[in-house]
Each structure stands twice: as structure tokens, then as C-alpha cells.
Amino acid sequence: IDHMKVAAELEAQLKAVRERTAELERDLEGLGELVEEGVLTRKSAKELRAVYEGLSRDEEGSKKRAERELSEAKGEVLSKTLKDFMTVLDSFEMSRQGYPAATLTPK
């Protein structure tokens, strides 16, 4: 698994969710104006608000999930990087101490 690629994809998904949430918030703000202009009845606006709020909750759940997955992916990248670094460091230390090259194979 290419953890860097996964992290980049998750960041893109998170950005899309944030943009969609902002769009929903703007739409909610406009409902009052539509009622004032007579385009919507208060009842219709209330029903639409309930739908938008449900969508907003769904978007918030998606945002939290994407943030959690991104954090996990970054942790995996860091863990793999440190593991690879430790392997190189161990090999270096063993070579400094005079161990033969045959014993330097990674596990």
C-alpha cells in the first residue's frame, strides 16, 4: 500500500467534504430570503431546513471519518518510515562494530 497516495486521496476527500458543508450552510442561509420573497412557504422552508440539516450531519460524519482515516494513514507512513530508518541505522551500527556483511540482512 502506498500510504502517501492514500493520505493524499484522503486529504482530497476531506477538502471536498468541507466544501460541500460550506455549500449546504450557504443554502440554509438563503432559505429565509426565499420565504421573504414569497418563493417558499414557511412550511416548505422548514421541511427543506430539516433535509439540509440531515445532509449536514451526514457531511459532518464523513468529515470526521476522513479526518480519522487521514490521521491513521499519516501514522502508518510515519511508522513505516521509522521502521525503514531503524533498519538502516541498525545495519550501520552493526557495520561500525565489525559484524560481517552476511549478518546485515534485514528481517
N, C-alpha and C. Protein backbone atom coordinates (compact mmCIF):
# COMPACT_ATOMS: atom_id res chain seq x y z
N ILE A 1 0.85 -1.18 0.00
CA ILE A 1 0.00 0.00 0.00
C ILE A 1 0.89 1.24 0.00
N ASP A 2 0.58 2.15 -0.88
CA ASP A 2 1.30 3.42 -0.94
C ASP A 2 0.59 4.39 0.01
N HIS A 3 1.11 4.47 1.22
CA HIS A 3 0.46 5.26 2.26
C HIS A 3 0.45 6.75 1.93
N MET A 4 1.44 7.22 1.23
CA MET A 4 1.46 8.64 0.85
C MET A 4 0.31 8.93 -0.12
N LYS A 5 0.07 8.01 -1.05
CA LYS A 5 -1.02 8.18 -2.00
C LYS A 5 -2.37 8.14 -1.28
N VAL A 6 -2.50 7.21 -0.34
CA VAL A 6 -3.74 7.10 0.43
C VAL A 6 -3.98 8.40 1.21
N ALA A 7 -2.92 8.92 1.84
CA ALA A 7 -3.05 10.16 2.60
C ALA A 7 -3.47 11.32 1.69
N ALA A 8 -2.89 11.39 0.50
CA ALA A 8 -3.26 12.46 -0.44
C ALA A 8 -4.71 12.33 -0.88
N GLU A 9 -5.16 11.11 -1.12
CA GLU A 9 -6.55 10.89 -1.51
C GLU A 9 -7.50 11.28 -0.38
N LEU A 10 -7.13 10.93 0.84
CA LEU A 10 -7.96 11.27 1.99
C LEU A 10 -8.02 12.78 2.20
N GLU A 11 -6.91 13.45 1.99
CA GLU A 11 -6.90 14.91 2.10
C GLU A 11 -7.82 15.53 1.05
N ALA A 12 -7.81 14.98 -0.15
CA ALA A 12 -8.69 15.49 -1.21
C ALA A 12 -10.15 15.26 -0.84
N GLN A 13 -10.46 14.08 -0.29
CA GLN A 13 -11.83 13.78 0.13
C GLN A 13 -12.27 14.73 1.24
N LEU A 14 -11.38 14.98 2.18
CA LEU A 14 -11.68 15.87 3.29
C LEU A 14 -11.96 17.28 2.78
N LYS A 15 -11.17 17.73 1.82
CA LYS A 15 -11.39 19.06 1.24
C LYS A 15 -12.76 19.12 0.56
N ALA A 16 -13.12 18.07 -0.17
CA ALA A 16 -14.41 18.03 -0.84
C ALA A 16 -15.56 18.07 0.16
N VAL A 17 -15.42 17.36 1.26
CA VAL A 17 -16.46 17.35 2.29
C VAL A 17 -16.59 18.74 2.91
N ARG A 18 -15.47 19.38 3.18
CA ARG A 18 -15.52 20.74 3.76
C ARG A 18 -16.20 21.71 2.80
N GLU A 19 -15.91 21.59 1.51
CA GLU A 19 -16.53 22.47 0.53
C GLU A 19 -18.04 22.23 0.44
N ARG A 20 -18.43 20.96 0.48
CA ARG A 20 -19.86 20.61 0.41
C ARG A 20 -20.59 21.12 1.66
N THR A 21 -19.96 21.01 2.81
CA THR A 21 -20.56 21.51 4.05
C THR A 21 -20.76 23.02 3.97
N ALA A 22 -19.79 23.73 3.47
CA ALA A 22 -19.91 25.19 3.33
C ALA A 22 -21.04 25.53 2.35
N GLU A 23 -21.16 24.75 1.30
CA GLU A 23 -22.23 24.98 0.31
C GLU A 23 -23.60 24.77 0.96
N LEU A 24 -23.74 23.72 1.77
CA LEU A 24 -25.01 23.47 2.45
C LEU A 24 -25.35 24.60 3.42
N GLU A 25 -24.34 25.10 4.11
CA GLU A 25 -24.57 26.20 5.05
C GLU A 25 -25.04 27.46 4.31
N ARG A 26 -24.45 27.72 3.15
CA ARG A 26 -24.89 28.88 2.35
C ARG A 26 -26.34 28.71 1.89
N ASP A 27 -26.66 27.48 1.47
CA ASP A 27 -28.04 27.21 1.03
C ASP A 27 -29.03 27.41 2.18
N LEU A 28 -28.67 26.98 3.37
CA LEU A 28 -29.54 27.16 4.53
C LEU A 28 -29.78 28.63 4.82
N GLU A 29 -28.75 29.42 4.69
CA GLU A 29 -28.87 30.85 4.94
C GLU A 29 -29.84 31.50 3.95
N GLY A 30 -29.90 30.98 2.75
CA GLY A 30 -30.76 31.55 1.72
C GLY A 30 -32.23 31.20 1.85
N LEU A 31 -32.58 30.23 2.68
CA LEU A 31 -33.98 29.83 2.80
C LEU A 31 -34.85 30.97 3.34
N GLY A 32 -34.34 31.69 4.31
CA GLY A 32 -35.11 32.81 4.88
C GLY A 32 -35.45 33.86 3.83
N GLU A 33 -34.49 34.13 2.98
CA GLU A 33 -34.71 35.11 1.91
C GLU A 33 -35.79 34.63 0.94
N LEU A 34 -35.80 33.32 0.65
CA LEU A 34 -36.81 32.79 -0.27
C LEU A 34 -38.21 32.88 0.32
N VAL A 35 -38.31 32.71 1.64
CA VAL A 35 -39.61 32.87 2.30
C VAL A 35 -40.05 34.33 2.22
N GLU A 36 -39.12 35.24 2.51
CA GLU A 36 -39.44 36.67 2.48
C GLU A 36 -39.87 37.11 1.09
N GLU A 37 -39.28 36.51 0.06
CA GLU A 37 -39.62 36.88 -1.32
C GLU A 37 -40.89 36.19 -1.81
N GLY A 38 -41.43 35.28 -1.00
CA GLY A 38 -42.65 34.57 -1.37
C GLY A 38 -42.41 33.38 -2.28
N VAL A 39 -41.15 33.01 -2.49
CA VAL A 39 -40.83 31.86 -3.35
C VAL A 39 -41.14 30.56 -2.63
N LEU A 40 -40.94 30.54 -1.31
CA LEU A 40 -41.22 29.36 -0.49
C LEU A 40 -42.17 29.73 0.64
N THR A 41 -42.98 28.75 1.03
CA THR A 41 -43.79 28.94 2.23
C THR A 41 -42.90 28.61 3.44
N ARG A 42 -43.32 29.06 4.59
CA ARG A 42 -42.56 28.74 5.82
C ARG A 42 -42.48 27.23 6.03
N LYS A 43 -43.60 26.56 5.74
CA LYS A 43 -43.64 25.10 5.91
C LYS A 43 -42.61 24.43 5.00
N SER A 44 -42.57 24.85 3.74
CA SER A 44 -41.60 24.28 2.78
C SER A 44 -40.17 24.57 3.22
N ALA A 45 -39.97 25.79 3.70
CA ALA A 45 -38.63 26.16 4.16
C ALA A 45 -38.22 25.31 5.36
N LYS A 46 -39.18 25.05 6.24
CA LYS A 46 -38.90 24.23 7.42
C LYS A 46 -38.55 22.80 7.00
N GLU A 47 -39.29 22.27 6.04
CA GLU A 47 -39.01 20.91 5.55
C GLU A 47 -37.64 20.85 4.88
N LEU A 48 -37.33 21.87 4.07
CA LEU A 48 -36.03 21.91 3.40
C LEU A 48 -34.90 22.05 4.43
N ARG A 49 -35.15 22.86 5.46
CA ARG A 49 -34.14 23.02 6.52
C ARG A 49 -33.85 21.67 7.18
N ALA A 50 -34.90 20.89 7.43
CA ALA A 50 -34.72 19.57 8.05
C ALA A 50 -33.89 18.66 7.14
N VAL A 51 -34.16 18.71 5.84
CA VAL A 51 -33.38 17.91 4.88
C VAL A 51 -31.92 18.37 4.87
N TYR A 52 -31.71 19.68 4.80
CA TYR A 52 -30.35 20.22 4.79
C TYR A 52 -29.60 19.88 6.07
N GLU A 53 -30.29 19.96 7.19
CA GLU A 53 -29.63 19.64 8.45
C GLU A 53 -29.24 18.17 8.51
N GLY A 54 -30.09 17.29 7.95
CA GLY A 54 -29.74 15.87 7.87
C GLY A 54 -28.52 15.66 6.99
N LEU A 55 -28.50 16.35 5.85
CA LEU A 55 -27.34 16.26 4.96
C LEU A 55 -26.09 16.81 5.65
N SER A 56 -26.27 17.87 6.39
CA SER A 56 -25.14 18.47 7.09
C SER A 56 -24.57 17.51 8.13
N ARG A 57 -25.46 16.81 8.84
CA ARG A 57 -24.98 15.80 9.81
C ARG A 57 -24.22 14.69 9.10
N ASP A 58 -24.75 14.26 7.95
CA ASP A 58 -24.06 13.22 7.17
C ASP A 58 -22.68 13.71 6.73
N GLU A 59 -22.63 14.95 6.27
CA GLU A 59 -21.35 15.53 5.84
C GLU A 59 -20.38 15.62 7.01
N GLU A 60 -20.88 15.99 8.17
CA GLU A 60 -20.03 16.09 9.36
C GLU A 60 -19.46 14.72 9.72
N GLY A 61 -20.31 13.68 9.63
CA GLY A 61 -19.84 12.32 9.88
C GLY A 61 -18.77 11.91 8.88
N SER A 62 -18.98 12.27 7.62
CA SER A 62 -17.99 11.96 6.58
C SER A 62 -16.69 12.70 6.85
N LYS A 63 -16.80 13.94 7.30
CA LYS A 63 -15.61 14.74 7.59
C LYS A 63 -14.81 14.12 8.74
N LYS A 64 -15.50 13.73 9.78
CA LYS A 64 -14.82 13.12 10.93
C LYS A 64 -14.16 11.80 10.54
N ARG A 65 -14.87 11.01 9.73
CA ARG A 65 -14.31 9.73 9.29
C ARG A 65 -13.07 9.97 8.42
N ALA A 66 -13.14 10.94 7.51
CA ALA A 66 -12.00 11.24 6.64
C ALA A 66 -10.82 11.76 7.47
N GLU A 67 -11.10 12.60 8.47
CA GLU A 67 -10.02 13.10 9.33
C GLU A 67 -9.36 11.96 10.10
N ARG A 68 -10.19 11.02 10.61
CA ARG A 68 -9.65 9.88 11.35
C ARG A 68 -8.80 8.99 10.43
N GLU A 69 -9.33 8.71 9.23
CA GLU A 69 -8.59 7.87 8.29
C GLU A 69 -7.29 8.54 7.85
N LEU A 70 -7.33 9.86 7.67
CA LEU A 70 -6.13 10.59 7.30
C LEU A 70 -5.09 10.51 8.41
N SER A 71 -5.53 10.67 9.63
CA SER A 71 -4.61 10.58 10.77
C SER A 71 -3.99 9.18 10.85
N GLU A 72 -4.80 8.16 10.63
CA GLU A 72 -4.29 6.79 10.65
C GLU A 72 -3.28 6.56 9.52
N ALA A 73 -3.60 7.07 8.33
CA ALA A 73 -2.68 6.90 7.19
C ALA A 73 -1.36 7.60 7.46
N LYS A 74 -1.42 8.82 8.02
CA LYS A 74 -0.18 9.53 8.34
C LYS A 74 0.62 8.77 9.39
N GLY A 75 -0.07 8.17 10.36
CA GLY A 75 0.61 7.37 11.37
C GLY A 75 1.30 6.16 10.76
N GLU A 76 0.64 5.52 9.79
CA GLU A 76 1.24 4.37 9.11
C GLU A 76 2.47 4.78 8.31
N VAL A 77 2.39 5.95 7.65
CA VAL A 77 3.54 6.45 6.89
C VAL A 77 4.70 6.70 7.84
N LEU A 78 4.43 7.35 8.95
CA LEU A 78 5.47 7.63 9.93
C LEU A 78 6.06 6.35 10.48
N SER A 79 5.21 5.40 10.81
CA SER A 79 5.67 4.12 11.35
C SER A 79 6.57 3.39 10.36
N LYS A 80 6.15 3.33 9.09
CA LYS A 80 6.95 2.65 8.07
C LYS A 80 8.28 3.37 7.87
N THR A 81 8.23 4.70 7.84
CA THR A 81 9.45 5.49 7.66
C THR A 81 10.43 5.23 8.81
N LEU A 82 9.91 5.24 10.03
CA LEU A 82 10.78 4.99 11.19
C LEU A 82 11.33 3.57 11.18
N LYS A 83 10.51 2.61 10.79
CA LYS A 83 10.97 1.22 10.72
C LYS A 83 12.10 1.10 9.70
N ASP A 84 11.90 1.71 8.52
CA ASP A 84 12.94 1.66 7.49
C ASP A 84 14.22 2.35 7.98
N PHE A 85 14.06 3.49 8.64
CA PHE A 85 15.21 4.22 9.17
C PHE A 85 15.95 3.38 10.22
N MET A 86 15.19 2.72 11.09
CA MET A 86 15.82 1.91 12.13
C MET A 86 16.60 0.74 11.53
N THR A 87 16.08 0.16 10.45
CA THR A 87 16.78 -0.93 9.78
C THR A 87 18.13 -0.44 9.25
N VAL A 88 18.12 0.73 8.63
CA VAL A 88 19.36 1.31 8.10
C VAL A 88 20.30 1.65 9.25
N LEU A 89 19.77 2.24 10.30
CA LEU A 89 20.59 2.61 11.46
C LEU A 89 21.19 1.37 12.11
N ASP A 90 20.40 0.30 12.27
CA ASP A 90 20.92 -0.93 12.84
C ASP A 90 22.04 -1.51 11.99
N SER A 91 21.84 -1.50 10.68
CA SER A 91 22.88 -2.01 9.78
C SER A 91 24.15 -1.18 9.90
N PHE A 92 23.99 0.10 9.97
CA PHE A 92 25.14 1.00 10.12
C PHE A 92 25.87 0.70 11.43
N GLU A 93 25.12 0.58 12.51
CA GLU A 93 25.74 0.30 13.81
C GLU A 93 26.47 -1.06 13.81
N MET A 94 25.84 -2.05 13.18
CA MET A 94 26.47 -3.38 13.13
C MET A 94 27.76 -3.31 12.30
N SER A 95 27.74 -2.55 11.20
CA SER A 95 28.95 -2.45 10.38
C SER A 95 30.04 -1.70 11.12
N ARG A 96 29.66 -0.71 11.91
CA ARG A 96 30.64 0.04 12.70
C ARG A 96 31.29 -0.86 13.75
N GLN A 97 30.53 -1.83 14.24
CA GLN A 97 31.05 -2.73 15.27
C GLN A 97 31.80 -3.92 14.68
N GLY A 98 31.87 -3.97 13.36
CA GLY A 98 32.67 -5.01 12.71
C GLY A 98 31.95 -6.31 12.41
N TYR A 99 30.63 -6.33 12.43
CA TYR A 99 29.92 -7.56 12.07
C TYR A 99 30.09 -7.81 10.56
N PRO A 100 30.19 -9.07 10.18
CA PRO A 100 30.33 -9.36 8.74
C PRO A 100 29.04 -8.98 7.97
N ALA A 101 29.22 -8.66 6.70
CA ALA A 101 28.11 -8.22 5.85
C ALA A 101 26.98 -9.23 5.80
N ALA A 102 27.26 -10.51 5.89
CA ALA A 102 26.22 -11.54 5.80
C ALA A 102 25.22 -11.42 6.94
N THR A 103 25.60 -10.86 8.05
CA THR A 103 24.67 -10.75 9.19
C THR A 103 23.82 -9.49 9.10
N LEU A 104 24.03 -8.70 8.07
CA LEU A 104 23.33 -7.42 7.96
C LEU A 104 22.01 -7.50 7.19
N THR A 105 21.54 -8.71 6.87
CA THR A 105 20.30 -8.82 6.11
C THR A 105 19.13 -8.43 7.01
N PRO A 106 18.19 -7.61 6.47
CA PRO A 106 17.03 -7.18 7.27
C PRO A 106 16.09 -8.35 7.55
N LYS A 107 15.39 -8.25 8.62
CA LYS A 107 14.44 -9.31 8.99
C LYS A 107 13.09 -9.05 8.38
